[in-house]
Amino acid sequence: MRLRRLSILDIDYKPLLKGVDLFFQTQDNTSIHTNCLVGINGSGKSQILEIIAEIFLFLENVYRNENKIKAPLSPFAFRIEYEIFKGDDVYLIIFECDKIKTKVKDIVVEIWKKNAEEIEEINIDNIDLFDYLPTKIIGYSSGDNETLSLPFDSYYDEYAQYTYERAFGIKQGNDYEPNLYFMSYNTNLGIAISSFIFRDELPQIDTVINKLDIDDLTSFTITIQTKQQAAPNRKKGGVMLTEELKNWRQILINIADVNIYEEKLNKNTLKFVLDKTTIRAFKDNFTSALELYTCLYKLELLNNLIVDKKTKEKIKKERKARRLVTKMPAVSDINKVLQYSELKFKLNNGEEIDYLSFSDGEHQFLNVFSTILMMNQENCLFLLDEPETHFNPLWRRTFINTLEKVTIERKQHFFITTHSPFIVSDCKKENVFIFKREKNKINIQEPKSETYGASFDNILEMAFQINPPISENSLQELQELENENNPEIIQKELSNFGDSLEKASLRNRIILLNSKK
C-alpha cells in the first residue's frame, strides 16, 4: 500500500480543508514509507488523518460484501490515488467523487496495472473492487482524540449492530473481518496479550520488549458476560452472540486455567497462566497474533451495544449533522461484554509487576510497536496521531529507527503527526509536510531545506517559527541584557544562564563594552 495523492475537492463541515491537494512521494522498497505531518496545534494535521480514514470507511461501506450500507453517499468530494501490491504486480487505484454526497453509481473508478515497461488500464466490470482497498486501516491516537477516532467509532457501531441483529435473526449474512482498527489505551491490553503469546512468530518483538526490560507476560484474566445489568433485552438473553463469537468464547473457556461462571450474568471470568501448555493451546486454536487479537477485538466491539438505544440514535444524528459531541459514552467496567484485568509481567530482574504499574510512555511504546508488529500484512495503512507524546527523549530520538527495524521490507504506508523534531530529523524533506493555519485555509508547505539529519534549531524554525530555540522567560532576560551598557552587570548575570549562542553573544558584548572604556 502506497498512498500517492489526496485531493479534497469540496467539503462543507471542514471548510479550511477545501482545495487541499497533497502528493506523496514513494521511495524504493528497502525503507519504510513514512510521511510526517508537523505543525502547531489546530493546524489541521489530525484532520488529514481523519479525512483519509473517512474516505476508506466510505469505500468499504460501498464495496463490502457483508453488512452493506443502504445507498451510501460520499461525505465530501475527493480524489484519492494509491498503489496496491498483489504478488509481483503493482496496481494504481483511483477513486473520485466529484461532489459532496456522490452516489455510488457516480463514483469514478480507475485501476491501472503497472510494471517496469508500461501501465495498462484494467476493465473493472467483472472484478471485486473490495479486493483493491487497503487490507487494514489502523488508527492510533495518544489521547482521546475526537478527530481521528470518529470514522472508526462509526465503523464499530455498524459492526456491533450487525452482530446483534444477526444473533437475533433480524438480519441474514456472514461475519466479516474488520478492516478498520483504532488503537487506544483499552485495546492495548488485547494487543499485549496476543503479541506475547505469539512472540516466537513476531521476530522483531525483542526490539520492543528489551527497551521495556520485560522478560515475559506471565498471566492475565478475561471476563466475558452477556446478561449484565445494562445489557439490551436482558430478559430475552441480553447481548446475544453469533455462532462465530460463541465458538470463540468456548475456545477461550477451554484454554483457561480457571473458569468462574456466574449464571445470573452469564459471566465467565477466565484466568490464564502462560506456561508452555497454555501457549500451545492458544497456538492450536489461533493461527496468529492477529487472529487471536481479532477474536478479542470483535468481542470488545460488542461493548458498544451496552449504550442505550436512545443515546445511540441521538449520537448517530449528531454525527450525521457533524456536531461536536459525537463519541459514545464510556461503558463502565462492570457492564462491559469483554474486559481485561490482572495482566502480570515478569521483568528481567525477576520482579513481577502489573500492567498498570508501567508508565504512560511504556504503555504507549508497547501499544504502538506491538500493533505494528502484529499488523504485518501487505497493503496496510497506518494513521498514527502523535504516537510518541509520552516517550522520553531517547525513545523519541530512536522512534523512526525502531519503526524501520520492525517493518523490514514491508509494503505498507505510515502517516505520523508530530510536534517532535526528533521524528522530523529522521524523515526526508519530500516526506515532511508543514501545516500552517491561515485565515481562510490550511496552508501545507514542503520544508525549505533538507530535514533528514537537520539540527533541531533548523527544524524548529521551519516548522514552528521558533528562533532562537530557547524558552520564553530566559530569552526575554537575555534580550534585556543585550540593551545593558554596563559590562559588570552583564558579567554578573551571565552565571544564571546555560550555554547558548545568545550567551556567547553577550560575552562578546562585554569585550566590546570594555574596549570602549
Protein backbone atom coordinates (compact mmCIF):
# COMPACT_ATOMS: atom_id res chain seq x y z
CA MET A 1 0.00 0.00 0.00
CA ARG A 2 1.35 3.39 -1.02
CA LEU A 3 -0.85 6.47 -0.90
CA ARG A 4 0.11 8.72 -3.81
CA ARG A 5 -2.38 11.60 -3.83
CA LEU A 6 -5.17 13.08 -1.70
CA SER A 7 -7.36 15.84 -3.13
CA ILE A 8 -10.23 17.38 -1.17
CA LEU A 9 -12.36 18.89 -3.91
CA ASP A 10 -15.23 20.14 -1.75
CA ILE A 11 -16.21 19.72 1.88
CA ASP A 12 -18.79 21.58 3.94
CA TYR A 13 -18.01 20.58 7.54
CA LYS A 14 -14.24 21.24 7.34
CA PRO A 15 -14.11 24.30 5.07
CA LEU A 16 -10.44 25.02 5.82
CA LEU A 17 -9.50 21.76 4.08
CA LYS A 18 -11.31 22.58 0.85
CA GLY A 19 -8.85 22.60 -2.03
CA VAL A 20 -6.09 20.66 -0.26
CA ASP A 21 -4.16 18.66 -2.85
CA LEU A 22 -1.31 16.53 -1.50
CA PHE A 23 1.12 14.38 -3.44
CA PHE A 24 3.11 11.75 -1.56
CA GLN A 25 6.50 10.61 -2.79
CA THR A 26 7.40 6.92 -2.83
CA GLN A 27 10.86 5.53 -2.30
CA ASP A 28 12.34 2.12 -3.10
CA ASN A 29 11.20 -0.92 -1.15
CA THR A 30 14.32 -1.06 1.03
CA SER A 31 12.99 1.53 3.50
CA ILE A 32 9.73 2.16 5.29
CA HIS A 33 7.45 4.75 3.73
CA THR A 34 6.65 7.34 6.38
CA ASN A 35 5.05 10.72 5.83
CA CYS A 36 5.47 13.20 8.65
CA LEU A 37 2.85 15.92 9.25
CA VAL A 38 4.20 18.65 11.52
CA GLY A 39 2.83 21.97 12.76
CA ILE A 40 1.28 23.75 15.71
CA ASN A 41 -1.88 22.55 17.45
CA GLY A 42 -5.03 23.21 15.42
CA SER A 43 -3.19 23.45 12.11
CA GLY A 44 -5.11 20.53 10.54
CA LYS A 45 -2.68 17.60 10.84
CA SER A 46 -5.10 15.26 12.61
CA GLN A 47 -7.92 16.31 10.30
CA ILE A 48 -5.97 14.98 7.32
CA LEU A 49 -5.68 11.59 9.02
CA GLU A 50 -9.41 11.67 9.76
CA ILE A 51 -10.19 12.54 6.12
CA ILE A 52 -8.13 9.58 4.89
CA ALA A 53 -9.93 7.25 7.33
CA GLU A 54 -13.33 8.66 6.29
CA ILE A 55 -12.61 8.03 2.62
CA PHE A 56 -11.73 4.39 3.19
CA LEU A 57 -14.67 3.93 5.57
CA PHE A 58 -16.96 5.21 2.81
CA LEU A 59 -15.34 2.97 0.18
CA GLU A 60 -15.62 -0.06 2.46
CA ASN A 61 -19.31 0.66 3.05
CA VAL A 62 -19.77 0.83 -0.73
CA TYR A 63 -17.84 -2.28 -1.75
CA ARG A 64 -18.01 -4.59 1.28
CA ASN A 65 -19.88 -7.80 0.52
CA GLU A 66 -21.42 -8.24 4.00
CA ASN A 67 -23.42 -5.71 6.04
CA LYS A 68 -23.73 -3.41 3.06
CA ILE A 69 -24.89 0.10 3.86
CA LYS A 70 -28.05 1.12 2.01
CA ALA A 71 -27.41 3.86 -0.56
CA PRO A 72 -24.23 5.33 0.97
CA LEU A 73 -23.27 8.86 -0.08
CA SER A 74 -19.76 10.27 -0.07
CA PRO A 75 -19.17 12.53 2.96
CA PHE A 76 -17.34 15.07 0.76
CA ALA A 77 -15.89 15.41 -2.74
CA PHE A 78 -12.46 13.86 -3.12
CA ARG A 79 -9.92 12.15 -5.33
CA ILE A 80 -7.60 9.55 -3.87
CA GLU A 81 -4.82 7.67 -5.65
CA TYR A 82 -2.82 4.81 -4.16
CA GLU A 83 -0.88 1.70 -5.09
CA ILE A 84 -1.78 -1.85 -4.06
CA PHE A 85 0.65 -4.78 -4.24
CA LYS A 86 -0.53 -8.21 -5.34
CA GLY A 87 2.39 -10.63 -5.58
CA ASP A 88 4.86 -9.11 -8.01
CA ASP A 89 2.21 -6.88 -9.56
CA VAL A 90 1.55 -3.25 -8.65
CA TYR A 91 -1.84 -1.63 -9.24
CA LEU A 92 -2.61 2.07 -9.25
CA ILE A 93 -6.12 2.67 -7.86
CA ILE A 94 -8.06 5.90 -8.35
CA PHE A 95 -11.39 6.79 -6.76
CA GLU A 96 -13.05 10.13 -7.39
CA CYS A 97 -16.30 11.63 -6.09
CA ASP A 98 -16.70 14.99 -7.79
CA LYS A 99 -19.30 16.42 -5.42
CA ILE A 100 -20.49 16.18 -1.83
CA LYS A 101 -22.90 13.24 -1.40
CA THR A 102 -21.86 11.49 -4.59
CA LYS A 103 -23.99 8.41 -5.25
CA VAL A 104 -22.38 5.00 -5.74
CA LYS A 105 -23.21 4.90 -9.46
CA ASP A 106 -21.40 8.22 -9.96
CA ILE A 107 -18.08 7.23 -8.35
CA VAL A 108 -15.28 7.32 -10.92
CA VAL A 109 -13.01 4.29 -10.54
CA GLU A 110 -9.80 3.53 -12.42
CA ILE A 111 -7.38 0.64 -11.92
CA TRP A 112 -4.05 0.54 -13.75
CA LYS A 113 -1.64 -2.40 -13.71
CA LYS A 114 1.96 -1.23 -13.62
CA ASN A 115 5.22 -2.89 -14.49
CA ALA A 116 8.69 -1.70 -15.35
CA GLU A 117 7.86 -1.11 -19.01
CA GLU A 118 4.26 0.03 -19.26
CA ILE A 119 0.99 0.79 -17.49
CA GLU A 120 -2.24 -0.92 -18.57
CA GLU A 121 -5.80 0.05 -17.62
CA ILE A 122 -7.87 -2.79 -16.14
CA ASN A 123 -11.52 -3.36 -17.01
CA ILE A 124 -13.34 -3.10 -13.66
CA ASP A 125 -16.68 -4.53 -14.80
CA ASN A 126 -16.02 -8.07 -13.60
CA ILE A 127 -13.77 -7.58 -10.60
CA ASP A 128 -14.50 -7.20 -6.89
CA LEU A 129 -13.38 -3.67 -6.03
CA PHE A 130 -13.27 -4.56 -2.34
CA ASP A 131 -10.14 -6.59 -3.13
CA TYR A 132 -8.42 -3.36 -4.21
CA LEU A 133 -8.94 -1.50 -0.94
CA PRO A 134 -6.19 -1.44 1.72
CA THR A 135 -6.01 -4.65 3.74
CA LYS A 136 -6.25 -2.77 7.05
CA ILE A 137 -6.57 0.86 8.13
CA ILE A 138 -5.00 1.21 11.57
CA GLY A 139 -5.57 4.41 13.53
CA TYR A 140 -3.76 5.40 16.70
CA SER A 141 -4.10 8.44 18.93
CA SER A 142 -2.10 9.27 22.04
CA GLY A 143 -5.22 10.57 23.81
CA ASP A 144 -8.98 10.87 23.49
CA ASN A 145 -8.72 12.49 20.08
CA GLU A 146 -12.22 13.21 18.82
CA THR A 147 -10.93 13.92 15.33
CA LEU A 148 -9.23 10.71 14.24
CA SER A 149 -11.45 8.31 16.19
CA LEU A 150 -14.76 9.35 14.57
CA PRO A 151 -14.66 7.20 11.40
CA PHE A 152 -13.57 4.21 13.48
CA ASP A 153 -16.36 4.80 16.01
CA SER A 154 -18.91 4.75 13.20
CA TYR A 155 -17.41 1.52 11.89
CA TYR A 156 -17.61 -0.11 15.33
CA ASP A 157 -21.25 0.90 15.76
CA GLU A 158 -22.13 -0.64 12.40
CA TYR A 159 -20.32 -3.90 13.20
CA ALA A 160 -21.77 -4.23 16.72
CA GLN A 161 -25.32 -3.57 15.49
CA TYR A 162 -24.89 -6.04 12.61
CA THR A 163 -23.66 -8.72 15.04
CA TYR A 164 -26.59 -8.03 17.37
CA GLU A 165 -29.18 -8.24 14.56
CA ARG A 166 -27.66 -11.44 13.16
CA ALA A 167 -27.73 -13.06 16.59
CA PHE A 168 -31.44 -12.25 16.96
CA GLY A 169 -32.21 -13.32 13.38
CA ILE A 170 -33.22 -9.79 12.34
CA LYS A 171 -30.58 -9.81 9.59
CA GLN A 172 -29.10 -12.58 7.50
CA GLY A 173 -25.48 -12.59 6.46
CA ASN A 174 -21.99 -13.75 7.29
CA ASP A 175 -19.44 -12.39 9.70
CA TYR A 176 -16.58 -10.39 8.21
CA GLU A 177 -13.10 -9.37 9.24
CA PRO A 178 -12.78 -5.78 10.47
CA ASN A 179 -10.65 -3.67 8.16
CA LEU A 180 -10.57 -0.60 10.40
CA TYR A 181 -8.80 -0.83 13.75
CA PHE A 182 -8.43 2.05 16.19
CA MET A 183 -5.84 1.55 18.90
CA SER A 184 -6.50 3.18 22.26
CA TYR A 185 -5.47 2.54 25.86
CA ASN A 186 -8.19 -0.13 26.25
CA THR A 187 -7.21 -2.09 23.14
CA ASN A 188 -3.60 -2.07 24.31
CA LEU A 189 -4.33 -4.94 26.69
CA GLY A 190 -5.54 -7.27 23.94
CA ILE A 191 -2.56 -6.30 21.79
CA ALA A 192 -0.13 -7.10 24.60
CA ILE A 193 -1.74 -10.49 25.28
CA SER A 194 -1.76 -11.51 21.61
CA SER A 195 1.78 -10.30 20.94
CA PHE A 196 3.36 -12.10 23.90
CA ILE A 197 1.54 -15.39 23.26
CA PHE A 198 2.80 -15.38 19.66
CA ARG A 199 6.13 -13.69 20.38
CA ASP A 200 8.08 -16.54 18.73
CA GLU A 201 6.32 -15.73 15.45
CA LEU A 202 6.99 -11.97 15.69
CA PRO A 203 10.76 -11.97 15.12
CA GLN A 204 11.27 -8.28 15.87
CA ILE A 205 9.31 -8.15 19.13
CA ASP A 206 12.50 -8.41 21.19
CA THR A 207 13.40 -4.97 19.82
CA VAL A 208 10.30 -3.71 21.65
CA ILE A 209 10.26 -5.65 24.91
CA ASN A 210 14.01 -5.23 25.54
CA LYS A 211 13.52 -1.47 25.75
CA LEU A 212 10.90 -2.08 28.46
CA ASP A 213 13.12 -4.52 30.39
CA ILE A 214 10.34 -7.14 30.20
CA ASP A 215 11.12 -10.86 30.29
CA ASP A 216 7.59 -12.14 29.58
CA LEU A 217 3.83 -11.96 30.21
CA THR A 218 3.04 -14.47 32.95
CA SER A 219 -0.75 -14.33 33.48
CA PHE A 220 -3.94 -12.41 32.71
CA THR A 221 -7.71 -12.51 33.20
CA ILE A 222 -10.50 -12.02 30.64
CA THR A 223 -14.13 -11.52 31.65
CA ILE A 224 -16.93 -12.18 29.13
CA GLN A 225 -20.56 -11.51 30.09
CA THR A 226 -23.80 -11.06 28.17
CA LYS A 227 -26.55 -10.54 30.78
CA GLN A 228 -25.06 -7.69 32.78
CA GLN A 229 -27.42 -5.14 34.32
CA ALA A 230 -27.17 -2.67 31.40
CA ALA A 231 -27.41 -5.29 28.62
CA PRO A 232 -30.08 -4.71 25.94
CA ASN A 233 -33.06 -7.10 26.00
CA ARG A 234 -31.74 -8.61 29.22
CA LYS A 235 -34.94 -10.61 29.80
CA LYS A 236 -34.54 -12.19 26.36
CA GLY A 237 -30.91 -13.10 26.88
CA GLY A 238 -29.03 -9.79 26.84
CA VAL A 239 -26.19 -9.47 24.36
CA MET A 240 -26.68 -12.40 22.01
CA LEU A 241 -23.54 -13.82 20.40
CA THR A 242 -23.37 -15.07 16.84
CA GLU A 243 -22.22 -18.62 16.25
CA GLU A 244 -18.72 -17.39 15.41
CA LEU A 245 -18.43 -15.48 18.69
CA LYS A 246 -19.95 -18.34 20.69
CA ASN A 247 -17.32 -20.63 19.22
CA TRP A 248 -14.50 -18.23 20.11
CA ARG A 249 -15.83 -17.79 23.65
CA GLN A 250 -15.90 -21.57 24.07
CA ILE A 251 -12.33 -21.85 22.81
CA LEU A 252 -11.19 -19.30 25.39
CA ILE A 253 -13.11 -21.18 28.10
CA ASN A 254 -11.43 -24.44 27.08
CA ILE A 255 -7.96 -22.91 27.18
CA ALA A 256 -8.40 -21.08 30.51
CA ASP A 257 -6.71 -22.48 33.60
CA VAL A 258 -9.63 -21.26 35.74
CA ASN A 259 -13.23 -20.54 34.69
CA ILE A 260 -15.50 -18.91 37.26
CA TYR A 261 -19.10 -18.88 35.97
CA GLU A 262 -21.96 -16.68 37.23
CA GLU A 263 -25.25 -17.86 35.74
CA LYS A 264 -27.25 -14.73 36.61
CA LEU A 265 -24.97 -12.56 34.45
CA ASN A 266 -23.97 -15.33 32.04
CA LYS A 267 -20.47 -14.32 33.03
CA ASN A 268 -17.21 -16.23 32.59
CA THR A 269 -14.16 -14.99 34.45
CA LEU A 270 -11.27 -16.72 32.68
CA LYS A 271 -7.83 -16.84 34.25
CA PHE A 272 -4.79 -17.81 32.17
CA VAL A 273 -1.29 -18.74 33.35
CA LEU A 274 1.11 -18.53 30.41
CA ASP A 275 3.13 -21.72 30.67
CA LYS A 276 4.14 -23.88 27.71
CA THR A 277 0.88 -25.88 27.81
CA THR A 278 -1.36 -22.79 27.71
CA ILE A 279 0.66 -21.17 24.94
CA ARG A 280 0.48 -24.40 22.92
CA ALA A 281 -3.31 -24.45 23.39
CA PHE A 282 -3.60 -20.89 22.06
CA LYS A 283 -1.46 -21.74 19.04
CA ASP A 284 -3.51 -24.87 18.34
CA ASN A 285 -6.67 -22.75 18.12
CA PHE A 286 -5.42 -19.49 16.61
CA THR A 287 -3.13 -19.20 13.62
CA SER A 288 -1.50 -15.88 14.50
CA ALA A 289 -1.36 -12.98 16.94
CA LEU A 290 -3.70 -11.07 14.62
CA GLU A 291 -6.33 -13.84 14.62
CA LEU A 292 -6.27 -14.04 18.41
CA TYR A 293 -6.49 -10.28 18.69
CA THR A 294 -9.35 -10.20 16.14
CA CYS A 295 -11.28 -12.67 18.33
CA LEU A 296 -10.82 -10.44 21.37
CA TYR A 297 -11.42 -7.28 19.33
CA LYS A 298 -14.77 -8.49 17.96
CA LEU A 299 -15.99 -9.36 21.43
CA GLU A 300 -14.77 -5.99 22.69
CA LEU A 301 -16.69 -4.15 19.96
CA LEU A 302 -19.89 -5.52 21.47
CA ASN A 303 -19.35 -3.12 24.38
CA ASN A 304 -20.98 -0.56 22.05
CA LEU A 305 -24.28 -2.43 22.47
CA ILE A 306 -24.41 -1.54 26.16
CA VAL A 307 -25.13 2.12 25.38
CA ASP A 308 -28.90 2.58 25.43
CA LYS A 309 -30.74 2.83 22.11
CA LYS A 310 -31.98 6.41 22.64
CA THR A 311 -28.47 7.70 23.29
CA LYS A 312 -27.07 5.83 20.29
CA GLU A 313 -29.71 7.27 17.97
CA LYS A 314 -29.04 10.78 19.28
CA ILE A 315 -25.30 10.45 18.74
CA LYS A 316 -25.84 8.95 15.30
CA LYS A 317 -27.86 12.02 14.29
CA GLU A 318 -25.22 14.33 15.75
CA ARG A 319 -22.51 12.55 13.77
CA LYS A 320 -24.54 12.91 10.61
CA ALA A 321 -25.00 16.61 11.34
CA ARG A 322 -21.27 16.92 12.19
CA ARG A 323 -21.86 18.37 15.62
CA LEU A 324 -19.11 18.46 18.21
CA VAL A 325 -20.36 15.82 20.67
CA THR A 326 -20.07 12.56 18.75
CA LYS A 327 -18.41 9.92 20.94
CA MET A 328 -20.38 7.18 22.61
CA PRO A 329 -20.44 7.32 26.43
CA ALA A 330 -17.80 5.15 28.08
CA VAL A 331 -19.15 1.81 29.27
CA SER A 332 -18.30 1.05 32.91
CA ASP A 333 -16.11 -1.99 33.55
CA ILE A 334 -18.93 -3.73 35.42
CA ASN A 335 -21.12 -3.65 32.28
CA LYS A 336 -18.59 -4.45 29.55
CA VAL A 337 -19.12 -7.54 27.40
CA LEU A 338 -15.37 -8.12 27.41
CA GLN A 339 -12.91 -6.80 29.95
CA TYR A 340 -9.21 -7.44 30.61
CA SER A 341 -7.63 -7.41 34.05
CA GLU A 342 -4.70 -8.64 36.12
CA LEU A 343 -2.06 -8.65 33.39
CA LYS A 344 1.15 -9.71 35.14
CA PHE A 345 4.63 -9.32 33.65
CA LYS A 346 7.99 -10.65 34.80
CA LEU A 347 10.85 -8.21 34.37
CA ASN A 348 14.40 -9.18 33.50
CA ASN A 349 15.40 -8.72 37.16
CA GLY A 350 12.84 -11.33 38.22
CA GLU A 351 10.35 -8.84 39.67
CA GLU A 352 6.65 -9.37 38.79
CA ILE A 353 4.55 -6.26 38.16
CA ASP A 354 1.03 -5.49 36.99
CA TYR A 355 0.41 -3.83 33.64
CA LEU A 356 -0.95 -0.77 35.44
CA SER A 357 2.46 -0.26 37.05
CA PHE A 358 4.04 0.67 33.73
CA SER A 359 4.32 4.38 32.93
CA ASP A 360 2.24 6.10 30.23
CA GLY A 361 5.29 6.10 27.99
CA GLU A 362 5.81 2.35 28.43
CA HIS A 363 2.12 1.69 27.72
CA GLN A 364 2.38 3.80 24.57
CA PHE A 365 5.60 2.16 23.41
CA LEU A 366 4.15 -1.34 23.85
CA ASN A 367 0.85 -0.37 22.19
CA VAL A 368 2.32 1.35 19.14
CA PHE A 369 5.05 -1.11 18.24
CA SER A 370 3.19 -4.30 19.20
CA THR A 371 0.31 -3.15 16.97
CA ILE A 372 2.71 -2.55 14.08
CA LEU A 373 4.38 -5.93 14.60
CA MET A 374 1.02 -7.73 14.70
CA MET A 375 -0.39 -5.97 11.62
CA ASN A 376 2.22 -7.45 9.30
CA GLN A 377 0.03 -7.99 6.25
CA GLU A 378 0.80 -6.27 2.97
CA ASN A 379 -1.16 -3.17 1.95
CA CYS A 380 -1.85 -1.87 5.47
CA LEU A 381 -2.15 1.87 6.04
CA PHE A 382 -1.17 3.26 9.46
CA LEU A 383 -2.51 6.64 10.63
CA LEU A 384 -0.58 7.48 13.80
CA ASP A 385 -1.55 10.68 15.59
CA GLU A 386 1.34 11.79 17.82
CA PRO A 387 2.45 8.24 18.66
CA GLU A 388 5.46 9.41 20.69
CA THR A 389 3.95 12.03 23.02
CA HIS A 390 4.72 10.14 26.24
CA PHE A 391 8.17 8.95 25.17
CA ASN A 392 11.35 10.09 26.86
CA PRO A 393 13.84 11.96 24.60
CA LEU A 394 15.88 8.80 23.91
CA TRP A 395 12.84 6.88 22.67
CA ARG A 396 11.78 9.85 20.54
CA ARG A 397 15.27 10.02 19.06
CA THR A 398 15.12 6.35 18.09
CA PHE A 399 11.43 6.22 17.05
CA ILE A 400 11.95 6.08 13.27
CA ASN A 401 14.93 3.77 13.68
CA THR A 402 12.81 1.36 15.76
CA LEU A 403 9.97 1.64 13.25
CA GLU A 404 12.32 0.66 10.41
CA LYS A 405 13.65 -2.32 12.37
CA VAL A 406 10.21 -3.80 12.99
CA THR A 407 8.91 -3.23 9.43
CA ILE A 408 11.77 -4.52 7.31
CA GLU A 409 10.74 -4.96 3.64
CA ARG A 410 7.04 -4.46 4.33
CA LYS A 411 4.78 -2.99 1.68
CA GLN A 412 2.89 -0.66 3.99
CA HIS A 413 2.48 3.08 4.39
CA PHE A 414 2.72 5.21 7.53
CA PHE A 415 1.42 8.70 8.28
CA ILE A 416 2.61 10.29 11.51
CA THR A 417 1.59 13.62 13.01
CA THR A 418 4.07 15.06 15.45
CA HIS A 419 5.46 18.12 17.22
CA SER A 420 8.80 16.42 17.77
CA PRO A 421 11.96 17.49 15.91
CA PHE A 422 13.32 14.01 16.70
CA ILE A 423 10.80 12.50 14.27
CA VAL A 424 11.22 15.15 11.58
CA SER A 425 15.01 14.86 11.64
CA ASP A 426 14.78 11.21 10.54
CA CYS A 427 12.43 11.92 7.60
CA LYS A 428 13.44 13.12 4.13
CA LYS A 429 12.32 16.56 3.03
CA GLU A 430 9.92 15.20 0.39
CA ASN A 431 8.07 13.20 3.09
CA VAL A 432 7.61 16.11 5.51
CA PHE A 433 4.57 18.41 5.33
CA ILE A 434 4.50 21.60 7.37
CA PHE A 435 0.98 22.70 8.35
CA LYS A 436 0.14 26.36 8.98
CA ARG A 437 -3.34 27.63 9.69
CA GLU A 438 -4.25 30.86 7.93
CA LYS A 439 -7.48 32.87 7.96
CA ASN A 440 -9.45 31.07 5.27
CA LYS A 441 -7.49 27.89 4.68
CA ILE A 442 -4.83 25.48 5.85
CA ASN A 443 -1.51 26.08 4.15
CA ILE A 444 0.61 22.95 3.70
CA GLN A 445 4.21 23.52 2.66
CA GLU A 446 7.28 21.47 1.88
CA PRO A 447 10.30 22.34 4.05
CA LYS A 448 12.62 24.92 2.50
CA SER A 449 15.70 22.81 3.17
CA GLU A 450 16.55 19.15 3.81
CA THR A 451 15.12 17.82 7.07
CA TYR A 452 16.91 14.46 7.19
CA GLY A 453 19.71 14.87 9.69
CA ALA A 454 18.91 18.56 10.19
CA SER A 455 19.63 20.18 13.55
CA PHE A 456 16.68 20.80 15.84
CA ASP A 457 17.34 24.54 15.56
CA ASN A 458 16.60 24.40 11.83
CA ILE A 459 13.57 22.14 12.22
CA LEU A 460 12.01 24.26 14.96
CA GLU A 461 12.45 27.37 12.84
CA MET A 462 10.99 25.74 9.70
CA ALA A 463 8.01 24.10 11.40
CA PHE A 464 7.20 26.39 14.32
CA GLN A 465 8.97 29.70 13.59
CA ILE A 466 10.99 29.29 16.79
CA ASN A 467 14.28 31.17 16.57
CA PRO A 468 16.30 31.03 18.74
CA PRO A 469 15.29 27.68 20.31
CA ILE A 470 15.18 28.96 23.89
CA SER A 471 12.24 29.11 26.29
CA GLU A 472 10.45 32.43 26.60
CA ASN A 473 11.40 33.60 30.12
CA SER A 474 15.13 33.05 29.73
CA LEU A 475 15.10 34.51 26.20
CA GLN A 476 13.44 37.70 27.41
CA GLU A 477 16.05 38.15 30.14
CA LEU A 478 18.90 37.54 27.68
CA GLN A 479 17.41 40.09 25.28
CA GLU A 480 17.17 42.63 28.10
CA LEU A 481 20.88 42.14 28.81
CA GLU A 482 21.59 42.95 25.15
CA ASN A 483 20.48 46.50 25.97
CA GLU A 484 22.64 46.74 29.09
CA ASN A 485 25.68 49.03 28.75
CA ASN A 486 27.42 48.11 32.00
CA PRO A 487 29.74 45.12 31.33
CA GLU A 488 29.97 44.30 35.04
CA ILE A 489 26.22 43.85 35.34
CA ILE A 490 26.19 41.62 32.24
CA GLN A 491 29.10 39.55 33.61
CA LYS A 492 27.31 39.09 36.92
CA GLU A 493 24.04 37.96 35.30
CA LEU A 494 25.63 35.50 32.83
CA SER A 495 26.16 32.90 35.56
CA ASN A 496 22.35 32.50 35.73
CA PHE A 497 22.17 31.06 32.18
CA GLY A 498 23.23 27.87 30.47
CA ASP A 499 25.36 27.85 27.33
CA SER A 500 23.77 29.18 24.14
CA LEU A 501 24.59 31.37 21.15
CA GLU A 502 22.81 34.21 22.94
CA LYS A 503 25.08 33.82 25.98
CA ALA A 504 28.15 33.75 23.72
CA SER A 505 26.90 36.93 22.06
CA LEU A 506 26.68 38.61 25.47
CA ARG A 507 30.29 37.63 26.24
CA ASN A 508 31.31 39.35 23.01
CA ARG A 509 29.30 42.38 24.12
CA ILE A 510 31.26 42.51 27.39
CA ILE A 511 34.52 42.57 25.41
CA LEU A 512 33.16 45.33 23.16
CA LEU A 513 31.99 47.48 26.07
CA ASN A 514 35.29 47.05 27.93
CA SER A 515 37.23 48.08 24.81
CA LYS A 516 35.34 51.36 24.72
CA LYS A 517 36.36 52.34 28.28
